[in-house]
C-alpha atoms as a PDB file:
ATOM      1  CA  MET A   1      58.646  37.073   7.331  1.00  0.00           C
ATOM      2  CA  ASP A   2      60.060  34.147   5.481  1.00  0.00           C
ATOM      3  CA  GLY A   3      61.909  31.066   6.471  1.00  0.00           C
ATOM      4  CA  ALA A   4      64.673  28.822   5.595  1.00  0.00           C
ATOM      5  CA  ASN A   5      65.517  25.337   6.328  1.00  0.00           C
ATOM      6  CA  SER A   6      69.208  25.737   6.535  1.00  0.00           C
ATOM      7  CA  THR A   7      70.714  26.416   9.549  1.00  0.00           C
ATOM      8  CA  TYR A   8      73.438  29.610  10.115  1.00  0.00           C
ATOM      9  CA  ALA A   9      75.810  26.830  11.541  1.00  0.00           C
ATOM     10  CA  SER A  10      76.830  26.221   7.754  1.00  0.00           C
ATOM     11  CA  LYS A  11      78.159  29.382   7.409  1.00  0.00           C
ATOM     12  CA  LEU A  12      80.856  28.492  10.239  1.00  0.00           C
ATOM     13  CA  ASP A  13      81.777  25.433   8.549  1.00  0.00           C
ATOM     14  CA  GLY A  14      85.608  25.115   7.889  1.00  0.00           C
ATOM     15  CA  LEU A  15      86.952  27.650  10.461  1.00  0.00           C
ATOM     16  CA  LEU A  16      88.244  24.778  13.007  1.00  0.00           C
ATOM     17  CA  PRO A  17      88.540  20.794  12.916  1.00  0.00           C
ATOM     18  CA  ARG A  18      85.441  19.432  14.352  1.00  0.00           C
ATOM     19  CA  THR A  19      87.203  16.822  16.312  1.00  0.00           C
ATOM     20  CA  ILE A  20      87.959  19.246  18.911  1.00  0.00           C
ATOM     21  CA  LEU A  21      84.627  21.194  19.148  1.00  0.00           C
ATOM     22  CA  CYS A  22      82.709  18.749  21.328  1.00  0.00           C
ATOM     23  CA  LEU A  23      85.725  19.595  23.889  1.00  0.00           C
ATOM     24  CA  ALA A  24      85.297  23.773  23.657  1.00  0.00           C
ATOM     25  CA  LEU A  25      81.941  22.997  24.378  1.00  0.00           C
ATOM     26  CA  ALA A  26      82.066  21.343  27.396  1.00  0.00           C
ATOM     27  CA  ALA A  27      85.063  24.072  27.928  1.00  0.00           C
ATOM     28  CA  LEU A  28      82.623  26.831  27.823  1.00  0.00           C
ATOM     29  CA  GLY A  29      79.964  25.875  30.053  1.00  0.00           C
ATOM     30  CA  ALA A  30      82.587  25.399  33.234  1.00  0.00           C
ATOM     31  CA  GLY A  31      83.581  27.636  35.501  1.00  0.00           C
ATOM     32  CA  THR A  32      82.263  31.013  37.438  1.00  0.00           C
ATOM     33  CA  ILE A  33      82.903  34.508  36.919  1.00  0.00           C
ATOM     34  CA  GLY A  34      85.165  36.008  40.117  1.00  0.00           C
ATOM     35  CA  SER A  35      86.921  39.209  40.577  1.00  0.00           C
ATOM     36  CA  ALA A  36      89.464  40.205  37.426  1.00  0.00           C
ATOM     37  CA  GLY A  37      92.260  39.251  39.477  1.00  0.00           C
ATOM     38  CA  SER A  38      90.765  35.679  40.171  1.00  0.00           C
ATOM     39  CA  GLN A  39      90.909  34.621  35.849  1.00  0.00           C
ATOM     40  CA  ALA A  40      92.931  32.575  34.362  1.00  0.00           C
ATOM     41  CA  LEU A  41      94.573  33.811  31.415  1.00  0.00           C
ATOM     42  CA  MET A  42      93.295  33.746  28.106  1.00  0.00           C
ATOM     43  CA  THR A  43      93.932  30.258  26.184  1.00  0.00           C
ATOM     44  CA  PRO A  44      92.811  29.547  22.777  1.00  0.00           C
ATOM     45  CA  ILE A  45      89.316  27.687  22.384  1.00  0.00           C
ATOM     46  CA  PRO A  46      87.939  26.445  19.452  1.00  0.00           C
ATOM     47  CA  ILE A  47      84.698  27.421  18.156  1.00  0.00           C
ATOM     48  CA  PRO A  48      81.959  24.864  19.636  1.00  0.00           C
ATOM     49  CA  ALA A  49      79.690  23.129  17.726  1.00  0.00           C
ATOM     50  CA  GLN A  50      76.078  25.160  17.256  1.00  0.00           C
ATOM     51  CA  ALA A  51      72.664  24.230  18.348  1.00  0.00           C
ATOM     52  CA  PRO A  52      70.387  24.147  15.578  1.00  0.00           C
ATOM     53  CA  ALA A  53      68.604  27.258  14.663  1.00  0.00           C
ATOM     54  CA  LYS A  54      66.154  28.362  11.754  1.00  0.00           C
ATOM     55  CA  GLU A  55      67.209  30.984   9.737  1.00  0.00           C
ATOM     56  CA  GLY A  56      65.002  33.969   7.616  1.00  0.00           C
ATOM     57  CA  TRP A  57      64.335  37.329   6.571  1.00  0.00           C
ATOM     58  CA  ALA A  58      61.973  39.580   8.724  1.00  0.00           C
ATOM     59  CA  GLN A  59      60.400  41.927   6.630  1.00  0.00           C
ATOM     60  CA  LEU A  60      60.190  45.478   8.096  1.00  0.00           C
ATOM     61  CA  ALA A  61      58.410  48.382   7.076  1.00  0.00           C
ATOM     62  CA  ASP A  62      61.226  49.675   4.911  1.00  0.00           C
ATOM     63  CA  THR A  63      63.959  46.732   4.800  1.00  0.00           C
ATOM     64  CA  ARG A  64      64.304  43.084   5.219  1.00  0.00           C
ATOM     65  CA  LEU A  65      66.626  41.799   8.225  1.00  0.00           C
ATOM     66  CA  TRP A  66      68.363  38.237   8.281  1.00  0.00           C
ATOM     67  CA  TYR A  67      68.071  36.541  11.382  1.00  0.00           C
ATOM     68  CA  TRP A  68      68.636  33.240  12.599  1.00  0.00           C
ATOM     69  CA  ASP A  69      66.785  31.803  16.003  1.00  0.00           C
ATOM     70  CA  THR A  70      67.416  29.131  17.718  1.00  0.00           C
ATOM     71  CA  GLY A  71      63.325  28.375  18.825  1.00  0.00           C
ATOM     72  CA  GLY A  72      62.198  26.950  22.285  1.00  0.00           C
ATOM     73  CA  ASN A  73      60.173  28.403  25.483  1.00  0.00           C
ATOM     74  CA  GLY A  74      63.219  29.554  27.283  1.00  0.00           C
ATOM     75  CA  PRO A  75      63.923  33.341  28.054  1.00  0.00           C
ATOM     76  CA  PRO A  76      65.037  35.110  24.592  1.00  0.00           C
ATOM     77  CA  ILE A  77      68.334  36.599  24.148  1.00  0.00           C
ATOM     78  CA  VAL A  78      68.792  38.687  21.078  1.00  0.00           C
ATOM     79  CA  LEU A  79      72.333  39.429  20.338  1.00  0.00           C
ATOM     80  CA  LEU A  80      73.448  42.697  18.514  1.00  0.00           C
ATOM     81  CA  HIS A  81      76.715  42.699  16.396  1.00  0.00           C
ATOM     82  CA  PRO A  82      79.487  45.338  16.634  1.00  0.00           C
ATOM     83  CA  ALA A  83      80.114  47.215  13.602  1.00  0.00           C
ATOM     84  CA  THR A  84      83.151  44.834  12.391  1.00  0.00           C
ATOM     85  CA  GLY A  85      80.596  41.888  12.605  1.00  0.00           C
ATOM     86  CA  SER A  86      77.299  40.650  11.824  1.00  0.00           C
ATOM     87  CA  GLY A  87      74.699  37.661  12.981  1.00  0.00           C
ATOM     88  CA  LEU A  88      77.667  35.158  12.448  1.00  0.00           C
ATOM     89  CA  ILE A  89      80.208  35.899  15.010  1.00  0.00           C
ATOM     90  CA  TRP A  90      78.014  34.347  17.890  1.00  0.00           C
ATOM     91  CA  GLY A  91      79.555  31.147  17.467  1.00  0.00           C
ATOM     92  CA  TYR A  92      80.948  30.840  21.127  1.00  0.00           C
ATOM     93  CA  GLN A  93      77.668  32.224  22.744  1.00  0.00           C
ATOM     94  CA  GLN A  94      74.993  30.791  20.802  1.00  0.00           C
ATOM     95  CA  PRO A  95      75.363  26.725  22.247  1.00  0.00           C
ATOM     96  CA  VAL A  96      76.243  27.735  25.439  1.00  0.00           C
ATOM     97  CA  PHE A  97      73.218  29.879  26.100  1.00  0.00           C
ATOM     98  CA  VAL A  98      70.571  27.309  24.389  1.00  0.00           C
ATOM     99  CA  LYS A  99      72.573  24.775  26.900  1.00  0.00           C
ATOM    100  CA  ALA A 100      71.777  27.274  29.545  1.00  0.00           C
ATOM    101  CA  GLY A 101      68.049  27.021  28.601  1.00  0.00           C
ATOM    102  CA  TYR A 102      67.519  30.392  26.600  1.00  0.00           C
ATOM    103  CA  ARG A 103      66.405  30.893  23.241  1.00  0.00           C
ATOM    104  CA  VAL A 104      68.967  32.618  21.163  1.00  0.00           C
ATOM    105  CA  ILE A 105      68.209  35.066  18.078  1.00  0.00           C
ATOM    106  CA  ALA A 106      70.857  37.181  16.323  1.00  0.00           C
ATOM    107  CA  TYR A 107      70.443  39.354  13.309  1.00  0.00           C
ATOM    108  CA  SER A 108      72.489  41.377  10.843  1.00  0.00           C
ATOM    109  CA  ARG A 109      71.550  45.176  10.792  1.00  0.00           C
ATOM    110  CA  ARG A 110      70.784  47.077   7.408  1.00  0.00           C
ATOM    111  CA  GLY A 111      74.047  46.869   5.385  1.00  0.00           C
ATOM    112  CA  TYR A 112      75.324  43.936   7.138  1.00  0.00           C
ATOM    113  CA  TYR A 113      75.563  40.194   6.072  1.00  0.00           C
ATOM    114  CA  ASN A 114      72.650  38.918   4.263  1.00  0.00           C
ATOM    115  CA  SER A 115      70.423  41.751   5.067  1.00  0.00           C
ATOM    116  CA  ALA A 116      69.174  44.425   2.542  1.00  0.00           C
ATOM    117  CA  PRO A 117      71.690  46.906   1.952  1.00  0.00           C
ATOM    118  CA  PHE A 118      71.497  50.006   3.561  1.00  0.00           C
ATOM    119  CA  ASP A 119      69.536  53.090   1.691  1.00  0.00           C
ATOM    120  CA  ARG A 120      70.593  56.770   2.731  1.00  0.00           C
ATOM    121  CA  GLU A 121      67.239  57.681   2.234  1.00  0.00           C
ATOM    122  CA  LYS A 122      65.664  55.457   4.225  1.00  0.00           C
ATOM    123  CA  PRO A 123      68.192  54.733   7.173  1.00  0.00           C
ATOM    124  CA  GLY A 124      65.302  54.198   9.517  1.00  0.00           C
ATOM    125  CA  THR A 125      67.116  53.999  13.720  1.00  0.00           C
ATOM    126  CA  GLY A 126      68.665  50.527  14.963  1.00  0.00           C
ATOM    127  CA  ALA A 127      66.167  50.987  18.078  1.00  0.00           C
ATOM    128  CA  ASP A 128      63.024  50.360  15.454  1.00  0.00           C
ATOM    129  CA  ASP A 129      64.315  47.890  13.479  1.00  0.00           C
ATOM    130  CA  LEU A 130      64.881  45.318  16.687  1.00  0.00           C
ATOM    131  CA  ARG A 131      61.471  46.156  17.845  1.00  0.00           C
ATOM    132  CA  GLN A 132      60.048  45.408  14.424  1.00  0.00           C
ATOM    133  CA  LEU A 133      62.257  42.142  14.736  1.00  0.00           C
ATOM    134  CA  ALA A 134      60.822  41.412  17.795  1.00  0.00           C
ATOM    135  CA  GLU A 135      57.283  42.045  16.898  1.00  0.00           C
ATOM    136  CA  SER A 136      57.938  39.719  13.564  1.00  0.00           C
ATOM    137  CA  LEU A 137      59.184  36.905  15.860  1.00  0.00           C
ATOM    138  CA  GLY A 138      56.316  37.107  18.642  1.00  0.00           C
ATOM    139  CA  ILE A 139      58.421  37.820  21.201  1.00  0.00           C
ATOM    140  CA  GLY A 140      57.617  39.671  24.431  1.00  0.00           C
ATOM    141  CA  ARG A 141      59.892  40.790  27.243  1.00  0.00           C
ATOM    142  CA  PHE A 142      63.921  39.717  26.264  1.00  0.00           C
ATOM    143  CA  HIS A 143      67.296  40.044  27.346  1.00  0.00           C
ATOM    144  CA  VAL A 144      69.387  42.193  25.045  1.00  0.00           C
ATOM    145  CA  VAL A 145      73.219  41.759  24.711  1.00  0.00           C
ATOM    146  CA  ALA A 146      75.396  43.792  22.791  1.00  0.00           C
ATOM    147  CA  SER A 147      78.782  44.434  21.797  1.00  0.00           C
ATOM    148  CA  ALA A 148      80.602  47.457  20.779  1.00  0.00           C
ATOM    149  CA  ALA A 149      78.418  49.544  18.084  1.00  0.00           C
ATOM    150  CA  GLY A 150      75.703  47.369  19.072  1.00  0.00           C
ATOM    151  CA  GLY A 151      76.054  48.916  22.457  1.00  0.00           C
ATOM    152  CA  SER A 152      74.956  52.403  21.222  1.00  0.00           C
ATOM    153  CA  ILE A 153      71.664  50.545  19.500  1.00  0.00           C
ATOM    154  CA  ALA A 154      70.697  48.250  22.543  1.00  0.00           C
ATOM    155  CA  ALA A 155      70.912  51.378  24.782  1.00  0.00           C
ATOM    156  CA  ASP A 156      68.582  53.451  22.544  1.00  0.00           C
ATOM    157  CA  PHE A 157      66.205  50.728  22.355  1.00  0.00           C
ATOM    158  CA  ALA A 158      66.581  50.033  26.350  1.00  0.00           C
ATOM    159  CA  LEU A 159      65.660  54.086  26.824  1.00  0.00           C
ATOM    160  CA  SER A 160      62.807  53.890  24.738  1.00  0.00           C
ATOM    161  CA  HIS A 161      61.230  50.549  25.168  1.00  0.00           C
ATOM    162  CA  GLN A 162      62.591  49.720  28.738  1.00  0.00           C
ATOM    163  CA  ASP A 163      59.159  47.664  29.359  1.00  0.00           C
ATOM    164  CA  ARG A 164      60.360  45.225  26.382  1.00  0.00           C
ATOM    165  CA  LEU A 165      63.380  44.314  28.269  1.00  0.00           C
ATOM    166  CA  LEU A 166      64.542  41.668  30.891  1.00  0.00           C
ATOM    167  CA  SER A 167      68.010  43.204  31.057  1.00  0.00           C
ATOM    168  CA  LEU A 168      70.620  45.033  28.938  1.00  0.00           C
ATOM    169  CA  THR A 169      74.248  43.450  29.039  1.00  0.00           C
ATOM    170  CA  ILE A 170      76.620  45.674  26.627  1.00  0.00           C
ATOM    171  CA  SER A 171      80.144  44.841  26.310  1.00  0.00           C
ATOM    172  CA  SER A 172      82.918  47.187  25.027  1.00  0.00           C
ATOM    173  CA  ASN A 173      80.699  50.532  24.289  1.00  0.00           C
ATOM    174  CA  SER A 174      79.838  53.994  25.726  1.00  0.00           C
ATOM    175  CA  PHE A 175      76.299  53.889  25.202  1.00  0.00           C
ATOM    176  CA  GLY A 176      76.115  56.259  22.701  1.00  0.00           C
ATOM    177  CA  VAL A 177      76.851  59.166  25.446  1.00  0.00           C
ATOM    178  CA  ARG A 178      77.931  62.303  23.418  1.00  0.00           C
ATOM    179  CA  ASP A 179      78.492  64.955  26.320  1.00  0.00           C
ATOM    180  CA  GLY A 180      79.653  64.974  29.926  1.00  0.00           C
ATOM    181  CA  ALA A 181      82.892  63.490  31.185  1.00  0.00           C
ATOM    182  CA  ILE A 182      82.107  60.308  29.781  1.00  0.00           C
ATOM    183  CA  ALA A 183      82.197  61.382  25.977  1.00  0.00           C
ATOM    184  CA  LYS A 184      85.259  63.942  26.907  1.00  0.00           C
ATOM    185  CA  ALA A 185      86.970  60.965  28.301  1.00  0.00           C
ATOM    186  CA  ALA A 186      86.279  58.525  25.167  1.00  0.00           C
ATOM    187  CA  ALA A 187      87.276  61.451  22.738  1.00  0.00           C
ATOM    188  CA  PHE A 188      90.712  61.924  24.555  1.00  0.00           C
ATOM    189  CA  ILE A 189      91.998  58.295  24.369  1.00  0.00           C
ATOM    190  CA  ARG A 190      90.712  57.544  20.946  1.00  0.00           C
ATOM    191  CA  PRO A 191      93.896  58.364  18.575  1.00  0.00           C
ATOM    192  CA  LYS A 192      93.380  60.439  15.745  1.00  0.00           C
ATOM    193  CA  ILE A 193      94.529  57.504  13.367  1.00  0.00           C
ATOM    194  CA  TRP A 194      91.800  55.179  14.763  1.00  0.00           C
ATOM    195  CA  ASP A 195      90.140  54.688  11.263  1.00  0.00           C
ATOM    196  CA  ASP A 196      93.721  54.041   9.576  1.00  0.00           C
ATOM    197  CA  ILE A 197      94.403  51.229  12.119  1.00  0.00           C
ATOM    198  CA  PRO A 198      93.954  47.403  11.046  1.00  0.00           C
ATOM    199  CA  PRO A 199      90.447  46.050  12.118  1.00  0.00           C
ATOM    200  CA  GLU A 200      92.337  43.414  13.962  1.00  0.00           C
ATOM    201  CA  VAL A 201      94.388  45.393  15.777  1.00  0.00           C
ATOM    202  CA  ARG A 202      91.710  47.995  16.709  1.00  0.00           C
ATOM    203  CA  GLU A 203      89.522  44.760  17.942  1.00  0.00           C
ATOM    204  CA  LEU A 204      91.684  42.315  19.576  1.00  0.00           C
ATOM    205  CA  GLY A 205      93.996  43.127  22.095  1.00  0.00           C
ATOM    206  CA  PRO A 206      97.781  42.316  22.062  1.00  0.00           C
ATOM    207  CA  SER A 207      97.808  39.155  24.184  1.00  0.00           C
ATOM    208  CA  TYR A 208      95.032  37.366  21.628  1.00  0.00           C
ATOM    209  CA  ARG A 209      97.003  38.457  18.781  1.00  0.00           C
ATOM    210  CA  ALA A 210     100.083  36.786  20.104  1.00  0.00           C
ATOM    211  CA  LEU A 211      98.636  33.823  21.338  1.00  0.00           C
ATOM    212  CA  ASN A 212      96.118  32.988  18.574  1.00  0.00           C
ATOM    213  CA  PRO A 213      96.784  33.632  15.102  1.00  0.00           C
ATOM    214  CA  ASP A 214      94.480  31.106  13.927  1.00  0.00           C
ATOM    215  CA  GLY A 215      91.735  33.127  16.191  1.00  0.00           C
ATOM    216  CA  VAL A 216      92.470  36.283  14.573  1.00  0.00           C
ATOM    217  CA  ARG A 217      92.522  34.697  10.827  1.00  0.00           C
ATOM    218  CA  GLN A 218      88.706  33.022  11.877  1.00  0.00           C
ATOM    219  CA  TRP A 219      87.987  36.705  13.227  1.00  0.00           C
ATOM    220  CA  LEU A 220      89.260  38.569  10.010  1.00  0.00           C
ATOM    221  CA  GLU A 221      87.047  35.699   7.868  1.00  0.00           C
ATOM    222  CA  LEU A 222      83.929  36.972   9.632  1.00  0.00           C
ATOM    223  CA  GLU A 223      84.956  40.757   9.568  1.00  0.00           C
ATOM    224  CA  HIS A 224      85.086  40.522   5.913  1.00  0.00           C
ATOM    225  CA  LYS A 225      82.040  39.103   5.354  1.00  0.00           C
ATOM    226  CA  ALA A 226      79.764  41.636   7.518  1.00  0.00           C
ATOM    227  CA  LEU A 227      79.736  44.369   5.571  1.00  0.00           C
ATOM    228  CA  VAL A 228      77.506  44.023   1.963  1.00  0.00           C
ATOM    229  CA  GLY A 229      78.209  47.884   1.431  1.00  0.00           C
ATOM    230  CA  ARG A 230      79.956  50.688   2.645  1.00  0.00           C
ATOM    231  CA  GLU A 231      79.589  51.145   6.533  1.00  0.00           C
ATOM    232  CA  PHE A 232      77.000  53.940   7.466  1.00  0.00           C
ATOM    233  CA  ARG A 233      75.563  53.595  11.226  1.00  0.00           C
ATOM    234  CA  GLN A 234      71.809  54.662  11.634  1.00  0.00           C
ATOM    235  CA  ARG A 235      71.148  57.555  13.716  1.00  0.00           C
ATOM    236  CA  LEU A 236      69.848  56.985  17.564  1.00  0.00           C
ATOM    237  CA  GLU A 237      65.876  58.065  18.558  1.00  0.00           C
ATOM    238  CA  ASN A 238      67.496  59.670  21.745  1.00  0.00           C
ATOM    239  CA  GLU A 239      69.967  62.227  22.274  1.00  0.00           C
ATOM    240  CA  MET A 240      72.334  60.095  24.517  1.00  0.00           C
ATOM    241  CA  THR A 241      73.489  62.551  27.458  1.00  0.00           C
ATOM    242  CA  GLN A 242      74.910  61.568  30.465  1.00  0.00           C
ATOM    243  CA  ALA A 243      72.246  62.541  32.310  1.00  0.00           C
ATOM    244  CA  LYS A 244      69.976  60.000  30.597  1.00  0.00           C
ATOM    245  CA  LEU A 245      71.858  57.246  31.782  1.00  0.00           C
ATOM    246  CA  LYS A 246      70.066  57.458  35.051  1.00  0.00           C
ATOM    247  CA  GLU A 247      66.639  56.975  33.356  1.00  0.00           C
ATOM    248  CA  LEU A 248      67.607  53.429  32.852  1.00  0.00           C
ATOM    249  CA  LYS A 249      66.069  51.328  35.805  1.00  0.00           C
ATOM    250  CA  LEU A 250      66.493  48.033  34.327  1.00  0.00           C
ATOM    251  CA  PRO A 251      68.879  45.467  35.349  1.00  0.00           C
ATOM    252  CA  THR A 252      72.462  46.343  33.475  1.00  0.00           C
ATOM    253  CA  LEU A 253      75.967  44.699  33.036  1.00  0.00           C
ATOM    254  CA  LEU A 254      78.542  46.091  31.599  1.00  0.00           C
ATOM    255  CA  ILE A 255      81.526  43.822  30.326  1.00  0.00           C
ATOM    256  CA  ALA A 256      85.024  45.436  29.393  1.00  0.00           C
ATOM    257  CA  GLY A 257      87.810  44.214  27.966  1.00  0.00           C
ATOM    258  CA  ALA A 258      91.157  45.155  30.186  1.00  0.00           C
ATOM    259  CA  ALA A 259      93.282  45.874  26.955  1.00  0.00           C
ATOM    260  CA  ASP A 260      90.222  47.678  25.235  1.00  0.00           C
ATOM    261  CA  LEU A 261      91.834  50.560  23.235  1.00  0.00           C
ATOM    262  CA  VAL A 262      88.591  52.793  23.307  1.00  0.00           C
ATOM    263  CA  THR A 263      86.445  51.543  26.041  1.00  0.00           C
ATOM    264  CA  PRO A 264      88.361  50.610  28.627  1.00  0.00           C
ATOM    265  CA  PRO A 265      87.364  49.332  32.493  1.00  0.00           C
ATOM    266  CA  SER A 266      87.797  53.213  33.419  1.00  0.00           C
ATOM    267  CA  LEU A 267      84.977  53.945  30.906  1.00  0.00           C
ATOM    268  CA  SER A 268      83.057  51.249  31.761  1.00  0.00           C
ATOM    269  CA  ARG A 269      83.047  52.208  35.566  1.00  0.00           C
ATOM    270  CA  MET A 270      81.889  55.602  34.695  1.00  0.00           C
ATOM    271  CA  LEU A 271      79.022  54.562  32.987  1.00  0.00           C
ATOM    272  CA  ALA A 272      78.142  52.044  35.817  1.00  0.00           C
ATOM    273  CA  ALA A 273      78.219  55.171  38.243  1.00  0.00           C
ATOM    274  CA  GLU A 274      75.625  56.956  36.559  1.00  0.00           C
ATOM    275  CA  ILE A 275      73.045  53.896  35.896  1.00  0.00           C
ATOM    276  CA  PRO A 276      71.536  52.600  38.894  1.00  0.00           C
ATOM    277  CA  GLY A 277      72.002  49.027  40.317  1.00  0.00           C
ATOM    278  CA  SER A 278      74.263  48.245  37.505  1.00  0.00           C
ATOM    279  CA  GLU A 279      77.396  45.840  37.576  1.00  0.00           C
ATOM    280  CA  VAL A 280      80.947  45.722  35.596  1.00  0.00           C
ATOM    281  CA  VAL A 281      82.813  42.313  34.963  1.00  0.00           C
ATOM    282  CA  VAL A 282      86.468  42.872  33.425  1.00  0.00           C
ATOM    283  CA  ALA A 283      87.685  40.722  31.118  1.00  0.00           C
ATOM    284  CA  PRO A 284      91.798  40.292  31.947  1.00  0.00           C
ATOM    285  CA  GLU A 285      93.998  41.141  28.776  1.00  0.00           C
ATOM    286  CA  SER A 286      91.089  41.079  26.197  1.00  0.00           C
ATOM    287  CA  GLY A 287      90.869  43.762  23.840  1.00  0.00           C
ATOM    288  CA  HIS A 288      87.517  45.562  22.412  1.00  0.00           C
ATOM    289  CA  SER A 289      85.944  41.993  20.990  1.00  0.00           C
ATOM    290  CA  VAL A 290      85.445  40.101  24.674  1.00  0.00           C
ATOM    291  CA  TYR A 291      82.913  37.732  23.407  1.00  0.00           C
ATOM    292  CA  TRP A 292      85.514  36.469  21.060  1.00  0.00           C
ATOM    293  CA  GLU A 293      88.785  36.620  22.994  1.00  0.00           C
ATOM    294  CA  GLN A 294      87.705  35.744  26.429  1.00  0.00           C
ATOM    295  CA  PRO A 295      83.947  33.846  25.204  1.00  0.00           C
ATOM    296  CA  GLU A 296      84.222  31.638  28.898  1.00  0.00           C
ATOM    297  CA  ILE A 297      84.369  35.140  30.650  1.00  0.00           C
ATOM    298  CA  PHE A 298      81.878  36.797  28.688  1.00  0.00           C
ATOM    299  CA  ASN A 299      79.572  33.579  28.847  1.00  0.00           C
ATOM    300  CA  ARG A 300      79.570  33.263  32.490  1.00  0.00           C
ATOM    301  CA  ALA A 301      79.096  36.719  33.273  1.00  0.00           C
ATOM    302  CA  VAL A 302      76.237  36.663  30.821  1.00  0.00           C
ATOM    303  CA  LEU A 303      74.323  33.881  32.304  1.00  0.00           C
ATOM    304  CA  ASP A 304      74.900  34.418  35.691  1.00  0.00           C
ATOM    305  CA  PHE A 305      73.224  37.957  34.866  1.00  0.00           C
ATOM    306  CA  VAL A 306      70.436  36.956  33.103  1.00  0.00           C
ATOM    307  CA  GLY A 307      70.016  34.188  35.010  1.00  0.00           C
ATOM    308  CA  LYS A 308      68.742  36.551  37.858  1.00  0.00           C
ATOM    309  CA  HIS A 309      66.688  38.312  35.870  1.00  0.00           C
ATOM    310  CA  SER A 310      64.391  36.088  33.893  1.00  0.00           C
ATOM    311  CA  ARG A 311      61.431  36.433  35.573  1.00  0.00           C
END
């Protein structure tokens, strides 16, 4: 495992004026999660100043993954990015989770920013890459927080390694389920022109795009940096069936954006009905990228949840 002296925070430089960063950090740390109807409407929030974090490259069996790690003795939270992102996207979460006492870690999967290119001859699995990364960093049990495509990998990892997790949080993803009523509903609402729709329209809700064009621009900057080659998703270790969801016996939180085009709250509730003891939080007006569009709601939901399951 190689280390680096620089911090990933420098990658976010220039996105927002630094004069308003401290105000944003205070705003992100406030508030509580209630019912969806009690939430205030979304307002533009600048990316806060980042906590110090070490960068490095974890050498796995057949690839190298770039990561950043804030260190510390708190319970670890590992962040898994969507297909349109990389380890850079968690600017709204990193300082808030650190302030709450957690060790925060994010990484880029194969073929994404600063990690080794994807090799079709040696694709590996996202779940096993996560296992190897955790071992290389000396992490015992940890919380996983994932968005969109990262959620399929998180669910796959949870089914293979439930004993390694303190909790599982998945936003805007159907857990990779490929059969039953859940898969049928997901396929029915996904438009055939999906891949031709601009990514910011697929991933960001209309309220956010209308209210925060600067935020859209910043999101697109990170999206353009994300892939280092043509996208190719790794296979899953488990056959992700609807019945398998009942095998998840660990604390599980689902976060849904009310304006998500492909993983609406109804789909999240269908998933939650199959997962014993799971919880659902709905972010009003948000699209597919709740972590970015509604960071206050996302962060409070995660911290309230992991705070109950960190022992």
